[in-house]
Amino acid sequence: MNPEQRSKKDHGIMNITKRLINPKELSDMLEISVNTVYSWVSQRKIPFVKCGRLTKFDVQKIDEWIEKNSVEEKEFC
C-alpha cells in the first residue's frame, strides 16, 4: 500500500468518494426540495440512473449538467 492510500485510511476503512448519490443527497447538494428532484427526473430535465426501482445520480454527470446549464455573467458598462 502506497503512502497516499495509507493517508486515506480512517480506522482501517478506506474513504471512498461515492459516484452515485440518492435524490435526498442531490437535493441537499443543490439546495432544492426532493420533490423538485423527482419532478426534474419525470420531465427528463436532469441526468439520472435507474438501479432497479431506485433512482440515482452520477455526481460527475450532475457536475457536467450544472456546467452546461450555467448562465454566464454579463458585463455592464
N, C-alpha and C. Protein backbone atom coordinates (compact mmCIF):
# COMPACT_ATOMS: atom_id res chain seq x y z
N MET A 1 0.86 -1.19 0.00
CA MET A 1 0.00 0.00 0.00
C MET A 1 0.90 1.24 0.00
N ASN A 2 0.65 2.15 -0.93
CA ASN A 2 1.48 3.34 -1.01
C ASN A 2 1.07 4.36 0.05
N PRO A 3 1.88 5.38 0.30
CA PRO A 3 1.57 6.38 1.35
C PRO A 3 0.26 7.11 1.13
N GLU A 4 -0.10 7.35 -0.15
CA GLU A 4 -1.36 8.05 -0.43
C GLU A 4 -2.55 7.21 0.02
N GLN A 5 -2.50 5.91 -0.27
CA GLN A 5 -3.58 5.03 0.15
C GLN A 5 -3.65 4.95 1.67
N ARG A 6 -2.48 4.90 2.32
CA ARG A 6 -2.45 4.84 3.78
C ARG A 6 -3.04 6.10 4.39
N SER A 7 -2.79 7.26 3.77
CA SER A 7 -3.30 8.51 4.32
C SER A 7 -4.82 8.59 4.19
N LYS A 8 -5.40 7.85 3.24
CA LYS A 8 -6.84 7.86 3.06
C LYS A 8 -7.54 6.92 4.03
N LYS A 9 -6.78 6.08 4.72
CA LYS A 9 -7.39 5.14 5.65
C LYS A 9 -7.87 5.88 6.89
N ASP A 10 -9.01 5.46 7.38
CA ASP A 10 -9.55 6.04 8.59
C ASP A 10 -10.01 4.88 9.47
N HIS A 11 -9.24 4.57 10.49
CA HIS A 11 -9.54 3.47 11.39
C HIS A 11 -9.70 2.15 10.62
N GLY A 12 -8.85 1.93 9.63
CA GLY A 12 -8.86 0.68 8.90
C GLY A 12 -9.87 0.60 7.77
N ILE A 13 -10.64 1.66 7.52
CA ILE A 13 -11.64 1.66 6.46
C ILE A 13 -11.25 2.72 5.43
N MET A 14 -11.23 2.33 4.17
CA MET A 14 -10.88 3.29 3.11
C MET A 14 -12.00 4.30 2.94
N ASN A 15 -11.66 5.57 2.81
CA ASN A 15 -12.64 6.60 2.49
C ASN A 15 -12.82 6.59 0.98
N ILE A 16 -14.00 6.25 0.53
CA ILE A 16 -14.28 6.17 -0.90
C ILE A 16 -15.33 7.22 -1.25
N THR A 17 -15.04 8.01 -2.26
CA THR A 17 -15.99 9.01 -2.71
C THR A 17 -17.08 8.29 -3.50
N LYS A 18 -18.34 8.56 -3.15
CA LYS A 18 -19.45 7.92 -3.82
C LYS A 18 -19.62 8.48 -5.23
N ARG A 19 -19.83 7.58 -6.17
CA ARG A 19 -20.09 8.01 -7.54
C ARG A 19 -21.57 8.30 -7.74
N LEU A 20 -22.43 7.45 -7.17
CA LEU A 20 -23.87 7.63 -7.31
C LEU A 20 -24.46 8.10 -5.99
N ILE A 21 -25.32 9.10 -6.08
CA ILE A 21 -25.99 9.62 -4.89
C ILE A 21 -27.50 9.47 -5.06
N ASN A 22 -28.22 9.50 -3.96
CA ASN A 22 -29.67 9.35 -4.00
C ASN A 22 -30.35 10.72 -4.12
N PRO A 23 -31.65 10.74 -4.35
CA PRO A 23 -32.36 12.01 -4.52
C PRO A 23 -32.23 12.97 -3.33
N LYS A 24 -32.23 12.45 -2.12
CA LYS A 24 -32.09 13.31 -0.93
C LYS A 24 -30.72 13.98 -0.91
N GLU A 25 -29.68 13.20 -1.22
CA GLU A 25 -28.32 13.76 -1.27
C GLU A 25 -28.21 14.83 -2.36
N LEU A 26 -28.84 14.58 -3.50
CA LEU A 26 -28.82 15.57 -4.58
C LEU A 26 -29.57 16.82 -4.18
N SER A 27 -30.71 16.66 -3.53
CA SER A 27 -31.48 17.83 -3.10
C SER A 27 -30.68 18.66 -2.10
N ASP A 28 -29.94 18.00 -1.22
CA ASP A 28 -29.08 18.72 -0.28
C ASP A 28 -27.94 19.43 -1.01
N MET A 29 -27.36 18.76 -1.99
CA MET A 29 -26.25 19.33 -2.76
C MET A 29 -26.68 20.57 -3.53
N LEU A 30 -27.87 20.51 -4.15
CA LEU A 30 -28.35 21.62 -4.97
C LEU A 30 -29.20 22.62 -4.20
N GLU A 31 -29.49 22.29 -2.93
CA GLU A 31 -30.34 23.14 -2.07
C GLU A 31 -31.71 23.35 -2.70
N ILE A 32 -32.31 22.23 -3.13
CA ILE A 32 -33.67 22.23 -3.66
C ILE A 32 -34.44 21.12 -2.96
N SER A 33 -35.74 21.07 -3.14
CA SER A 33 -36.53 20.04 -2.48
C SER A 33 -36.41 18.70 -3.22
N VAL A 34 -36.65 17.62 -2.49
CA VAL A 34 -36.66 16.29 -3.08
C VAL A 34 -37.77 16.20 -4.13
N ASN A 35 -38.90 16.87 -3.88
CA ASN A 35 -39.99 16.88 -4.86
C ASN A 35 -39.54 17.49 -6.19
N THR A 36 -38.74 18.54 -6.12
CA THR A 36 -38.21 19.16 -7.34
C THR A 36 -37.30 18.18 -8.07
N VAL A 37 -36.47 17.46 -7.33
CA VAL A 37 -35.59 16.46 -7.95
C VAL A 37 -36.42 15.44 -8.72
N TYR A 38 -37.45 14.88 -8.06
CA TYR A 38 -38.29 13.89 -8.73
C TYR A 38 -39.06 14.48 -9.91
N SER A 39 -39.45 15.74 -9.79
CA SER A 39 -40.14 16.42 -10.89
C SER A 39 -39.21 16.54 -12.10
N TRP A 40 -37.97 16.95 -11.86
CA TRP A 40 -37.00 17.06 -12.94
C TRP A 40 -36.71 15.71 -13.57
N VAL A 41 -36.68 14.64 -12.75
CA VAL A 41 -36.47 13.30 -13.29
C VAL A 41 -37.62 12.93 -14.21
N SER A 42 -38.85 13.14 -13.76
CA SER A 42 -40.01 12.76 -14.57
C SER A 42 -40.09 13.56 -15.87
N GLN A 43 -39.55 14.79 -15.84
CA GLN A 43 -39.53 15.64 -17.03
C GLN A 43 -38.24 15.44 -17.85
N ARG A 44 -37.37 14.57 -17.36
CA ARG A 44 -36.07 14.28 -18.00
C ARG A 44 -35.22 15.55 -18.15
N LYS A 45 -35.27 16.42 -17.15
CA LYS A 45 -34.50 17.66 -17.16
C LYS A 45 -33.11 17.48 -16.58
N ILE A 46 -32.87 16.36 -15.89
CA ILE A 46 -31.62 16.14 -15.19
C ILE A 46 -31.17 14.70 -15.46
N PRO A 47 -29.86 14.48 -15.62
CA PRO A 47 -29.41 13.11 -15.88
C PRO A 47 -29.55 12.22 -14.64
N PHE A 48 -30.03 11.00 -14.83
CA PHE A 48 -30.21 10.07 -13.72
C PHE A 48 -29.96 8.65 -14.17
N VAL A 49 -29.81 7.76 -13.21
CA VAL A 49 -29.56 6.35 -13.45
C VAL A 49 -30.61 5.56 -12.69
N LYS A 50 -31.20 4.57 -13.33
CA LYS A 50 -32.14 3.68 -12.64
C LYS A 50 -31.39 2.42 -12.24
N CYS A 51 -31.46 2.09 -10.97
CA CYS A 51 -30.89 0.86 -10.42
C CYS A 51 -32.07 0.04 -9.91
N GLY A 52 -32.68 -0.71 -10.81
CA GLY A 52 -33.93 -1.38 -10.46
C GLY A 52 -34.99 -0.32 -10.26
N ARG A 53 -35.58 -0.29 -9.08
CA ARG A 53 -36.59 0.72 -8.76
C ARG A 53 -36.00 2.01 -8.21
N LEU A 54 -34.71 1.98 -7.89
CA LEU A 54 -34.07 3.14 -7.29
C LEU A 54 -33.63 4.15 -8.34
N THR A 55 -33.73 5.42 -8.01
CA THR A 55 -33.23 6.49 -8.87
C THR A 55 -31.96 7.02 -8.22
N LYS A 56 -30.88 7.04 -8.99
CA LYS A 56 -29.59 7.52 -8.50
C LYS A 56 -29.05 8.57 -9.47
N PHE A 57 -28.07 9.31 -9.00
CA PHE A 57 -27.48 10.38 -9.80
C PHE A 57 -25.97 10.24 -9.78
N ASP A 58 -25.36 10.25 -10.98
CA ASP A 58 -23.91 10.20 -11.12
C ASP A 58 -23.38 11.60 -10.85
N VAL A 59 -22.55 11.73 -9.84
CA VAL A 59 -22.05 13.04 -9.42
C VAL A 59 -21.32 13.74 -10.57
N GLN A 60 -20.54 13.00 -11.34
CA GLN A 60 -19.81 13.60 -12.47
C GLN A 60 -20.78 14.13 -13.52
N LYS A 61 -21.83 13.37 -13.83
CA LYS A 61 -22.83 13.82 -14.82
C LYS A 61 -23.58 15.05 -14.30
N ILE A 62 -23.86 15.08 -13.00
CA ILE A 62 -24.54 16.24 -12.42
C ILE A 62 -23.65 17.47 -12.51
N ASP A 63 -22.35 17.31 -12.24
CA ASP A 63 -21.42 18.44 -12.37
C ASP A 63 -21.38 18.95 -13.81
N GLU A 64 -21.36 18.02 -14.78
CA GLU A 64 -21.38 18.41 -16.19
C GLU A 64 -22.69 19.12 -16.53
N TRP A 65 -23.80 18.62 -16.01
CA TRP A 65 -25.12 19.22 -16.24
C TRP A 65 -25.16 20.64 -15.68
N ILE A 66 -24.59 20.84 -14.50
CA ILE A 66 -24.55 22.17 -13.89
C ILE A 66 -23.74 23.12 -14.78
N GLU A 67 -22.57 22.66 -15.24
CA GLU A 67 -21.73 23.49 -16.11
C GLU A 67 -22.48 23.85 -17.40
N LYS A 68 -23.14 22.87 -18.00
CA LYS A 68 -23.86 23.07 -19.26
C LYS A 68 -25.02 24.04 -19.09
N ASN A 69 -25.66 24.02 -17.94
CA ASN A 69 -26.84 24.84 -17.71
C ASN A 69 -26.56 26.13 -16.94
N SER A 70 -25.30 26.43 -16.74
CA SER A 70 -24.94 27.67 -16.05
C SER A 70 -25.07 28.85 -17.00
N VAL A 71 -25.54 29.94 -16.49
CA VAL A 71 -25.68 31.16 -17.28
C VAL A 71 -24.47 32.03 -17.02
N GLU A 72 -23.85 32.45 -18.10
CA GLU A 72 -22.67 33.30 -17.97
C GLU A 72 -23.07 34.70 -17.50
N GLU A 73 -22.18 35.30 -16.72
CA GLU A 73 -22.47 36.66 -16.26
C GLU A 73 -22.28 37.63 -17.41
N LYS A 74 -22.96 38.73 -17.34
CA LYS A 74 -22.90 39.75 -18.39
C LYS A 74 -22.29 41.01 -17.79
N GLU A 75 -21.35 41.56 -18.51
CA GLU A 75 -20.70 42.79 -18.03
C GLU A 75 -21.50 43.99 -18.48
N PHE A 76 -21.71 44.90 -17.56
CA PHE A 76 -22.38 46.16 -17.87
C PHE A 76 -21.35 47.26 -17.84
N CYS A 77 -21.46 48.17 -18.79
CA CYS A 77 -20.52 49.29 -18.88
C CYS A 77 -20.85 50.36 -17.88
